[in-house]
Amino acid sequence: MTKENRTRRRADALTQQRIVEAAIEILDQDGEDALTFRALAAHLATGSGALYWHVADKQTLLAQATDQIVAAALHEAATR
């Protein structure tokens, strides 16, 4: 990690929704093994401790990501 990456700051507030969306991006791109709180923190330009304020643990995060993916798929199917 370069110094520039370590000092980069988020442009908008960290929310549970942003965390779940970023987790889904990592899952889509690199799979479940790549989803760690450290990787997620780097992706969101924050510390891993800040993530725990919004999400209790990885299992909870995976459940929330799954819920969001299923809800989106059901919505898409309903609008066809």
C-alpha atoms as a PDB file:
ATOM      1  CA  MET A   1       0.000   0.000   0.000  1.00  0.00           C
ATOM      2  CA  THR A   2       1.396   3.365  -0.944  1.00  0.00           C
ATOM      3  CA  LYS A   3       1.406   6.397   1.293  1.00  0.00           C
ATOM      4  CA  GLU A   4      -1.112   8.029  -1.040  1.00  0.00           C
ATOM      5  CA  ASN A   5      -3.568   5.129  -0.529  1.00  0.00           C
ATOM      6  CA  ARG A   6      -3.158   5.265   3.253  1.00  0.00           C
ATOM      7  CA  THR A   7      -3.909   8.989   3.428  1.00  0.00           C
ATOM      8  CA  ARG A   8      -6.809   8.986   0.949  1.00  0.00           C
ATOM      9  CA  ARG A   9     -10.106   9.905   2.618  1.00  0.00           C
ATOM     10  CA  ARG A  10     -13.698   9.045   1.817  1.00  0.00           C
ATOM     11  CA  ALA A  11     -15.674  11.720   0.040  1.00  0.00           C
ATOM     12  CA  ASP A  12     -18.940  10.740   1.711  1.00  0.00           C
ATOM     13  CA  ALA A  13     -20.049   9.356   5.066  1.00  0.00           C
ATOM     14  CA  LEU A  14     -19.558   5.727   5.975  1.00  0.00           C
ATOM     15  CA  THR A  15     -22.902   3.955   6.331  1.00  0.00           C
ATOM     16  CA  GLN A  16     -24.021   0.376   6.697  1.00  0.00           C
ATOM     17  CA  GLN A  17     -25.422   0.539   3.155  1.00  0.00           C
ATOM     18  CA  ARG A  18     -22.096   1.747   1.710  1.00  0.00           C
ATOM     19  CA  ILE A  19     -20.281  -1.016   3.569  1.00  0.00           C
ATOM     20  CA  VAL A  20     -22.635  -3.692   2.223  1.00  0.00           C
ATOM     21  CA  GLU A  21     -22.360  -2.316  -1.326  1.00  0.00           C
ATOM     22  CA  ALA A  22     -18.556  -2.306  -1.098  1.00  0.00           C
ATOM     23  CA  ALA A  23     -18.635  -5.861   0.245  1.00  0.00           C
ATOM     24  CA  ILE A  24     -20.739  -6.935  -2.739  1.00  0.00           C
ATOM     25  CA  GLU A  25     -18.226  -5.286  -5.086  1.00  0.00           C
ATOM     26  CA  ILE A  26     -15.382  -7.255  -3.477  1.00  0.00           C
ATOM     27  CA  LEU A  27     -17.408 -10.475  -3.572  1.00  0.00           C
ATOM     28  CA  ASP A  28     -18.247  -9.957  -7.259  1.00  0.00           C
ATOM     29  CA  GLN A  29     -14.698  -9.091  -8.176  1.00  0.00           C
ATOM     30  CA  ASP A  30     -12.607 -11.486  -6.092  1.00  0.00           C
ATOM     31  CA  GLY A  31     -14.880 -13.944  -4.255  1.00  0.00           C
ATOM     32  CA  GLU A  32     -15.663 -14.654  -0.617  1.00  0.00           C
ATOM     33  CA  ASP A  33     -12.080 -15.414   0.425  1.00  0.00           C
ATOM     34  CA  ALA A  34     -11.059 -11.885  -0.574  1.00  0.00           C
ATOM     35  CA  LEU A  35     -13.683 -10.282   1.661  1.00  0.00           C
ATOM     36  CA  THR A  36     -11.933  -9.352   4.879  1.00  0.00           C
ATOM     37  CA  PHE A  37     -12.512  -6.346   7.079  1.00  0.00           C
ATOM     38  CA  ARG A  38      -8.992  -5.206   6.243  1.00  0.00           C
ATOM     39  CA  ALA A  39      -9.685  -5.388   2.483  1.00  0.00           C
ATOM     40  CA  LEU A  40     -13.065  -3.739   2.963  1.00  0.00           C
ATOM     41  CA  ALA A  41     -11.510  -0.938   5.022  1.00  0.00           C
ATOM     42  CA  ALA A  42      -8.915  -0.336   2.305  1.00  0.00           C
ATOM     43  CA  HIS A  43     -11.648  -0.325  -0.358  1.00  0.00           C
ATOM     44  CA  LEU A  44     -13.582   2.289   1.623  1.00  0.00           C
ATOM     45  CA  ALA A  45     -10.509   4.280   2.702  1.00  0.00           C
ATOM     46  CA  THR A  46     -11.206   3.889   6.405  1.00  0.00           C
ATOM     47  CA  GLY A  47      -9.986   1.890   9.365  1.00  0.00           C
ATOM     48  CA  SER A  48     -11.342  -1.574  10.075  1.00  0.00           C
ATOM     49  CA  GLY A  49     -12.525  -0.389  13.504  1.00  0.00           C
ATOM     50  CA  ALA A  50     -14.920   2.037  11.823  1.00  0.00           C
ATOM     51  CA  LEU A  51     -16.555  -0.875  10.019  1.00  0.00           C
ATOM     52  CA  TYR A  52     -17.351  -2.641  13.277  1.00  0.00           C
ATOM     53  CA  TRP A  53     -19.383   0.398  14.333  1.00  0.00           C
ATOM     54  CA  HIS A  54     -21.808  -0.471  11.502  1.00  0.00           C
ATOM     55  CA  VAL A  55     -21.431  -4.253  11.094  1.00  0.00           C
ATOM     56  CA  ALA A  56     -20.864  -6.737  13.922  1.00  0.00           C
ATOM     57  CA  ASP A  57     -18.838  -9.352  12.039  1.00  0.00           C
ATOM     58  CA  LYS A  58     -18.217 -11.008   8.669  1.00  0.00           C
ATOM     59  CA  GLN A  59     -21.165 -13.409   9.004  1.00  0.00           C
ATOM     60  CA  THR A  60     -23.520 -10.484   9.590  1.00  0.00           C
ATOM     61  CA  LEU A  61     -22.003  -8.654   6.629  1.00  0.00           C
ATOM     62  CA  LEU A  62     -22.438 -11.695   4.371  1.00  0.00           C
ATOM     63  CA  ALA A  63     -26.053 -12.055   5.500  1.00  0.00           C
ATOM     64  CA  GLN A  64     -26.751  -8.389   4.745  1.00  0.00           C
ATOM     65  CA  ALA A  65     -25.067  -8.654   1.344  1.00  0.00           C
ATOM     66  CA  THR A  66     -27.113 -11.764   0.551  1.00  0.00           C
ATOM     67  CA  ASP A  67     -30.328 -10.034   1.601  1.00  0.00           C
ATOM     68  CA  GLN A  68     -29.551  -7.077  -0.661  1.00  0.00           C
ATOM     69  CA  ILE A  69     -28.696  -9.281  -3.648  1.00  0.00           C
ATOM     70  CA  VAL A  70     -31.843 -11.400  -3.237  1.00  0.00           C
ATOM     71  CA  ALA A  71     -34.044  -8.313  -2.784  1.00  0.00           C
ATOM     72  CA  ALA A  72     -32.628  -6.775  -5.955  1.00  0.00           C
ATOM     73  CA  ALA A  73     -33.197  -9.999  -7.905  1.00  0.00           C
ATOM     74  CA  LEU A  74     -36.780 -10.297  -6.645  1.00  0.00           C
ATOM     75  CA  HIS A  75     -37.474  -6.664  -7.511  1.00  0.00           C
ATOM     76  CA  GLU A  76     -36.081  -7.161 -11.003  1.00  0.00           C
ATOM     77  CA  ALA A  77     -38.159 -10.310 -11.508  1.00  0.00           C
ATOM     78  CA  ALA A  78     -41.304  -8.545 -10.289  1.00  0.00           C
ATOM     79  CA  THR A  79     -40.854  -5.660 -12.722  1.00  0.00           C
ATOM     80  CA  ARG A  80     -40.614  -7.869 -15.789  1.00  0.00           C
END
